[in-house]
Amino acid sequence: MTSQEINLTTKEYGVLEYLMRNKGKVLSKEQIEYIVFCCILYNYACKAHLVMIL
């Protein structure tokens, strides 16, 4: 397997980061949508809220 750089949009990166932080957990569609539509748009406020959730 070789390493290959891939380009991600901000939303894609946000989802990937969220999934990695929640490895092994079952996440609802609503939880993922929250990250995509809230945290990406309102980055600072949601990151603080996300830390409280985690």
PDB file of N, CA and C in Angstrom:
ATOM      1  N   MET A   1       0.847  -1.171   0.000  1.00  0.00           N
ATOM      2  CA  MET A   1       0.000   0.000   0.000  1.00  0.00           C
ATOM      3  C   MET A   1       0.894   1.235   0.000  1.00  0.00           C
ATOM      4  N   THR A   2       0.619   2.139  -0.883  1.00  0.00           N
ATOM      5  CA  THR A   2       1.396   3.371  -0.968  1.00  0.00           C
ATOM      6  C   THR A   2       0.590   4.536  -0.426  1.00  0.00           C
ATOM      7  N   SER A   3       1.286   5.505   0.089  1.00  0.00           N
ATOM      8  CA  SER A   3       0.623   6.713   0.582  1.00  0.00           C
ATOM      9  C   SER A   3       0.287   7.608  -0.591  1.00  0.00           C
ATOM     10  N   GLN A   4      -0.899   8.168  -0.540  1.00  0.00           N
ATOM     11  CA  GLN A   4      -1.317   9.074  -1.600  1.00  0.00           C
ATOM     12  C   GLN A   4      -2.104  10.213  -0.975  1.00  0.00           C
ATOM     13  N   GLU A   5      -1.725  11.422  -1.290  1.00  0.00           N
ATOM     14  CA  GLU A   5      -2.423  12.587  -0.775  1.00  0.00           C
ATOM     15  C   GLU A   5      -3.743  12.748  -1.510  1.00  0.00           C
ATOM     16  N   ILE A   6      -4.794  13.055  -0.752  1.00  0.00           N
ATOM     17  CA  ILE A   6      -6.091  13.324  -1.370  1.00  0.00           C
ATOM     18  C   ILE A   6      -6.559  14.702  -0.910  1.00  0.00           C
ATOM     19  N   ASN A   7      -7.281  15.364  -1.755  1.00  0.00           N
ATOM     20  CA  ASN A   7      -7.831  16.675  -1.428  1.00  0.00           C
ATOM     21  C   ASN A   7      -9.250  16.497  -0.917  1.00  0.00           C
ATOM     22  N   LEU A   8      -9.542  17.116   0.228  1.00  0.00           N
ATOM     23  CA  LEU A   8     -10.873  17.049   0.817  1.00  0.00           C
ATOM     24  C   LEU A   8     -11.456  18.449   0.922  1.00  0.00           C
ATOM     25  N   THR A   9     -12.765  18.523   0.752  1.00  0.00           N
ATOM     26  CA  THR A   9     -13.443  19.790   1.012  1.00  0.00           C
ATOM     27  C   THR A   9     -13.502  19.981   2.523  1.00  0.00           C
ATOM     28  N   THR A  10     -13.875  21.160   2.950  1.00  0.00           N
ATOM     29  CA  THR A  10     -13.998  21.434   4.377  1.00  0.00           C
ATOM     30  C   THR A  10     -15.012  20.500   5.021  1.00  0.00           C
ATOM     31  N   LYS A  11     -16.128  20.283   4.354  1.00  0.00           N
ATOM     32  CA  LYS A  11     -17.155  19.388   4.898  1.00  0.00           C
ATOM     33  C   LYS A  11     -16.649  17.952   4.981  1.00  0.00           C
ATOM     34  N   GLU A  12     -15.984  17.492   3.938  1.00  0.00           N
ATOM     35  CA  GLU A  12     -15.449  16.125   3.934  1.00  0.00           C
ATOM     36  C   GLU A  12     -14.435  15.940   5.059  1.00  0.00           C
ATOM     37  N   TYR A  13     -13.577  16.927   5.241  1.00  0.00           N
ATOM     38  CA  TYR A  13     -12.584  16.852   6.305  1.00  0.00           C
ATOM     39  C   TYR A  13     -13.271  16.827   7.669  1.00  0.00           C
ATOM     40  N   GLY A  14     -14.306  17.647   7.826  1.00  0.00           N
ATOM     41  CA  GLY A  14     -15.047  17.676   9.088  1.00  0.00           C
ATOM     42  C   GLY A  14     -15.667  16.335   9.418  1.00  0.00           C
ATOM     43  N   VAL A  15     -16.255  15.694   8.425  1.00  0.00           N
ATOM     44  CA  VAL A  15     -16.854  14.374   8.637  1.00  0.00           C
ATOM     45  C   VAL A  15     -15.771  13.359   8.976  1.00  0.00           C
ATOM     46  N   LEU A  16     -14.682  13.364   8.245  1.00  0.00           N
ATOM     47  CA  LEU A  16     -13.584  12.434   8.504  1.00  0.00           C
ATOM     48  C   LEU A  16     -13.038  12.616   9.917  1.00  0.00           C
ATOM     49  N   GLU A  17     -12.827  13.852  10.306  1.00  0.00           N
ATOM     50  CA  GLU A  17     -12.312  14.135  11.651  1.00  0.00           C
ATOM     51  C   GLU A  17     -13.281  13.625  12.714  1.00  0.00           C
ATOM     52  N   TYR A  18     -14.564  13.877  12.518  1.00  0.00           N
ATOM     53  CA  TYR A  18     -15.585  13.446  13.476  1.00  0.00           C
ATOM     54  C   TYR A  18     -15.625  11.925  13.586  1.00  0.00           C
ATOM     55  N   LEU A  19     -15.563  11.242  12.456  1.00  0.00           N
ATOM     56  CA  LEU A  19     -15.572   9.780  12.471  1.00  0.00           C
ATOM     57  C   LEU A  19     -14.330   9.230  13.168  1.00  0.00           C
ATOM     58  N   MET A  20     -13.198   9.836  12.937  1.00  0.00           N
ATOM     59  CA  MET A  20     -11.964   9.366  13.582  1.00  0.00           C
ATOM     60  C   MET A  20     -12.006   9.601  15.089  1.00  0.00           C
ATOM     61  N   ARG A  21     -12.582  10.705  15.511  1.00  0.00           N
ATOM     62  CA  ARG A  21     -12.696  10.993  16.948  1.00  0.00           C
ATOM     63  C   ARG A  21     -13.681  10.041  17.633  1.00  0.00           C
ATOM     64  N   ASN A  22     -14.565   9.468  16.858  1.00  0.00           N
ATOM     65  CA  ASN A  22     -15.587   8.575  17.408  1.00  0.00           C
ATOM     66  C   ASN A  22     -15.402   7.138  16.935  1.00  0.00           C
ATOM     67  N   LYS A  23     -14.162   6.738  16.719  1.00  0.00           N
ATOM     68  CA  LYS A  23     -13.834   5.396  16.248  1.00  0.00           C
ATOM     69  C   LYS A  23     -14.483   4.344  17.156  1.00  0.00           C
ATOM     70  N   GLY A  24     -15.144   3.384  16.527  1.00  0.00           N
ATOM     71  CA  GLY A  24     -15.766   2.288  17.267  1.00  0.00           C
ATOM     72  C   GLY A  24     -17.157   2.598  17.795  1.00  0.00           C
ATOM     73  N   LYS A  25     -17.636   3.821  17.605  1.00  0.00           N
ATOM     74  CA  LYS A  25     -18.965   4.210  18.078  1.00  0.00           C
ATOM     75  C   LYS A  25     -19.950   4.201  16.918  1.00  0.00           C
ATOM     76  N   VAL A  26     -21.189   3.898  17.232  1.00  0.00           N
ATOM     77  CA  VAL A  26     -22.257   4.003  16.239  1.00  0.00           C
ATOM     78  C   VAL A  26     -22.778   5.434  16.307  1.00  0.00           C
ATOM     79  N   LEU A  27     -22.751   6.111  15.172  1.00  0.00           N
ATOM     80  CA  LEU A  27     -23.196   7.499  15.110  1.00  0.00           C
ATOM     81  C   LEU A  27     -24.470   7.591  14.288  1.00  0.00           C
ATOM     82  N   SER A  28     -25.384   8.406  14.763  1.00  0.00           N
ATOM     83  CA  SER A  28     -26.631   8.582  14.024  1.00  0.00           C
ATOM     84  C   SER A  28     -26.420   9.536  12.855  1.00  0.00           C
ATOM     85  N   LYS A  29     -27.327   9.462  11.932  1.00  0.00           N
ATOM     86  CA  LYS A  29     -27.313  10.380  10.791  1.00  0.00           C
ATOM     87  C   LYS A  29     -27.393  11.825  11.288  1.00  0.00           C
ATOM     88  N   GLU A  30     -28.183  12.051  12.312  1.00  0.00           N
ATOM     89  CA  GLU A  30     -28.361  13.391  12.852  1.00  0.00           C
ATOM     90  C   GLU A  30     -27.066  13.930  13.450  1.00  0.00           C
ATOM     91  N   GLN A  31     -26.301  13.068  14.117  1.00  0.00           N
ATOM     92  CA  GLN A  31     -25.029  13.505  14.685  1.00  0.00           C
ATOM     93  C   GLN A  31     -24.070  13.944  13.583  1.00  0.00           C
ATOM     94  N   ILE A  32     -24.010  13.184  12.525  1.00  0.00           N
ATOM     95  CA  ILE A  32     -23.107  13.516  11.423  1.00  0.00           C
ATOM     96  C   ILE A  32     -23.592  14.769  10.707  1.00  0.00           C
ATOM     97  N   GLU A  33     -24.897  14.892  10.497  1.00  0.00           N
ATOM     98  CA  GLU A  33     -25.445  16.093   9.860  1.00  0.00           C
ATOM     99  C   GLU A  33     -25.142  17.336  10.689  1.00  0.00           C
ATOM    100  N   TYR A  34     -25.199  17.207  11.994  1.00  0.00           N
ATOM    101  CA  TYR A  34     -24.904  18.336  12.877  1.00  0.00           C
ATOM    102  C   TYR A  34     -23.486  18.837  12.627  1.00  0.00           C
ATOM    103  N   ILE A  35     -22.556  17.916  12.534  1.00  0.00           N
ATOM    104  CA  ILE A  35     -21.170  18.293  12.295  1.00  0.00           C
ATOM    105  C   ILE A  35     -21.028  18.955  10.929  1.00  0.00           C
ATOM    106  N   VAL A  36     -21.635  18.369   9.922  1.00  0.00           N
ATOM    107  CA  VAL A  36     -21.503  18.892   8.562  1.00  0.00           C
ATOM    108  C   VAL A  36     -22.130  20.273   8.434  1.00  0.00           C
ATOM    109  N   PHE A  37     -23.337  20.444   8.943  1.00  0.00           N
ATOM    110  CA  PHE A  37     -24.067  21.681   8.689  1.00  0.00           C
ATOM    111  C   PHE A  37     -23.911  22.735   9.771  1.00  0.00           C
ATOM    112  N   CYS A  38     -23.520  22.348  10.955  1.00  0.00           N
ATOM    113  CA  CYS A  38     -23.352  23.342  12.019  1.00  0.00           C
ATOM    114  C   CYS A  38     -21.889  23.699  12.211  1.00  0.00           C
ATOM    115  N   CYS A  39     -21.094  22.723  12.508  1.00  0.00           N
ATOM    116  CA  CYS A  39     -19.700  23.009  12.869  1.00  0.00           C
ATOM    117  C   CYS A  39     -18.898  23.585  11.727  1.00  0.00           C
ATOM    118  N   ILE A  40     -19.198  23.200  10.514  1.00  0.00           N
ATOM    119  CA  ILE A  40     -18.453  23.754   9.393  1.00  0.00           C
ATOM    120  C   ILE A  40     -18.838  25.221   9.197  1.00  0.00           C
ATOM    121  N   LEU A  41     -20.121  25.526   9.353  1.00  0.00           N
ATOM    122  CA  LEU A  41     -20.592  26.889   9.130  1.00  0.00           C
ATOM    123  C   LEU A  41     -20.268  27.812  10.299  1.00  0.00           C
ATOM    124  N   TYR A  42     -20.335  27.280  11.513  1.00  0.00           N
ATOM    125  CA  TYR A  42     -20.103  28.075  12.717  1.00  0.00           C
ATOM    126  C   TYR A  42     -18.947  27.451  13.483  1.00  0.00           C
ATOM    127  N   ASN A  43     -17.816  27.450  12.872  1.00  0.00           N
ATOM    128  CA  ASN A  43     -16.643  26.697  13.300  1.00  0.00           C
ATOM    129  C   ASN A  43     -16.319  26.825  14.786  1.00  0.00           C
ATOM    130  N   TYR A  44     -16.135  28.022  15.298  1.00  0.00           N
ATOM    131  CA  TYR A  44     -15.640  28.184  16.658  1.00  0.00           C
ATOM    132  C   TYR A  44     -16.663  27.754  17.702  1.00  0.00           C
ATOM    133  N   ALA A  45     -17.892  28.200  17.574  1.00  0.00           N
ATOM    134  CA  ALA A  45     -18.910  27.863  18.561  1.00  0.00           C
ATOM    135  C   ALA A  45     -19.165  26.369  18.599  1.00  0.00           C
ATOM    136  N   CYS A  46     -19.214  25.740  17.455  1.00  0.00           N
ATOM    137  CA  CYS A  46     -19.504  24.318  17.412  1.00  0.00           C
ATOM    138  C   CYS A  46     -18.343  23.475  17.884  1.00  0.00           C
ATOM    139  N   LYS A  47     -17.133  23.910  17.631  1.00  0.00           N
ATOM    140  CA  LYS A  47     -15.990  23.128  18.124  1.00  0.00           C
ATOM    141  C   LYS A  47     -16.023  23.081  19.642  1.00  0.00           C
ATOM    142  N   ALA A  48     -16.355  24.179  20.282  1.00  0.00           N
ATOM    143  CA  ALA A  48     -16.456  24.190  21.736  1.00  0.00           C
ATOM    144  C   ALA A  48     -17.575  23.261  22.182  1.00  0.00           C
ATOM    145  N   HIS A  49     -18.694  23.280  21.481  1.00  0.00           N
ATOM    146  CA  HIS A  49     -19.822  22.405  21.799  1.00  0.00           C
ATOM    147  C   HIS A  49     -19.449  20.948  21.554  1.00  0.00           C
ATOM    148  N   LEU A  50     -18.732  20.679  20.482  1.00  0.00           N
ATOM    149  CA  LEU A  50     -18.325  19.319  20.152  1.00  0.00           C
ATOM    150  C   LEU A  50     -17.431  18.750  21.240  1.00  0.00           C
ATOM    151  N   VAL A  51     -16.548  19.561  21.787  1.00  0.00           N
ATOM    152  CA  VAL A  51     -15.684  19.095  22.872  1.00  0.00           C
ATOM    153  C   VAL A  51     -16.536  18.690  24.062  1.00  0.00           C
ATOM    154  N   MET A  52     -17.587  19.435  24.339  1.00  0.00           N
ATOM    155  CA  MET A  52     -18.479  19.091  25.446  1.00  0.00           C
ATOM    156  C   MET A  52     -19.188  17.766  25.189  1.00  0.00           C
ATOM    157  N   ILE A  53     -19.551  17.499  23.929  1.00  0.00           N
ATOM    158  CA  ILE A  53     -20.219  16.247  23.572  1.00  0.00           C
ATOM    159  C   ILE A  53     -19.266  15.079  23.744  1.00  0.00           C
ATOM    160  N   LEU A  54     -18.037  15.235  23.280  1.00  0.00           N
ATOM    161  CA  LEU A  54     -17.061  14.150  23.329  1.00  0.00           C
ATOM    162  C   LEU A  54     -16.576  13.942  24.737  1.00  0.00           C
TER     163      LEU A  54
END
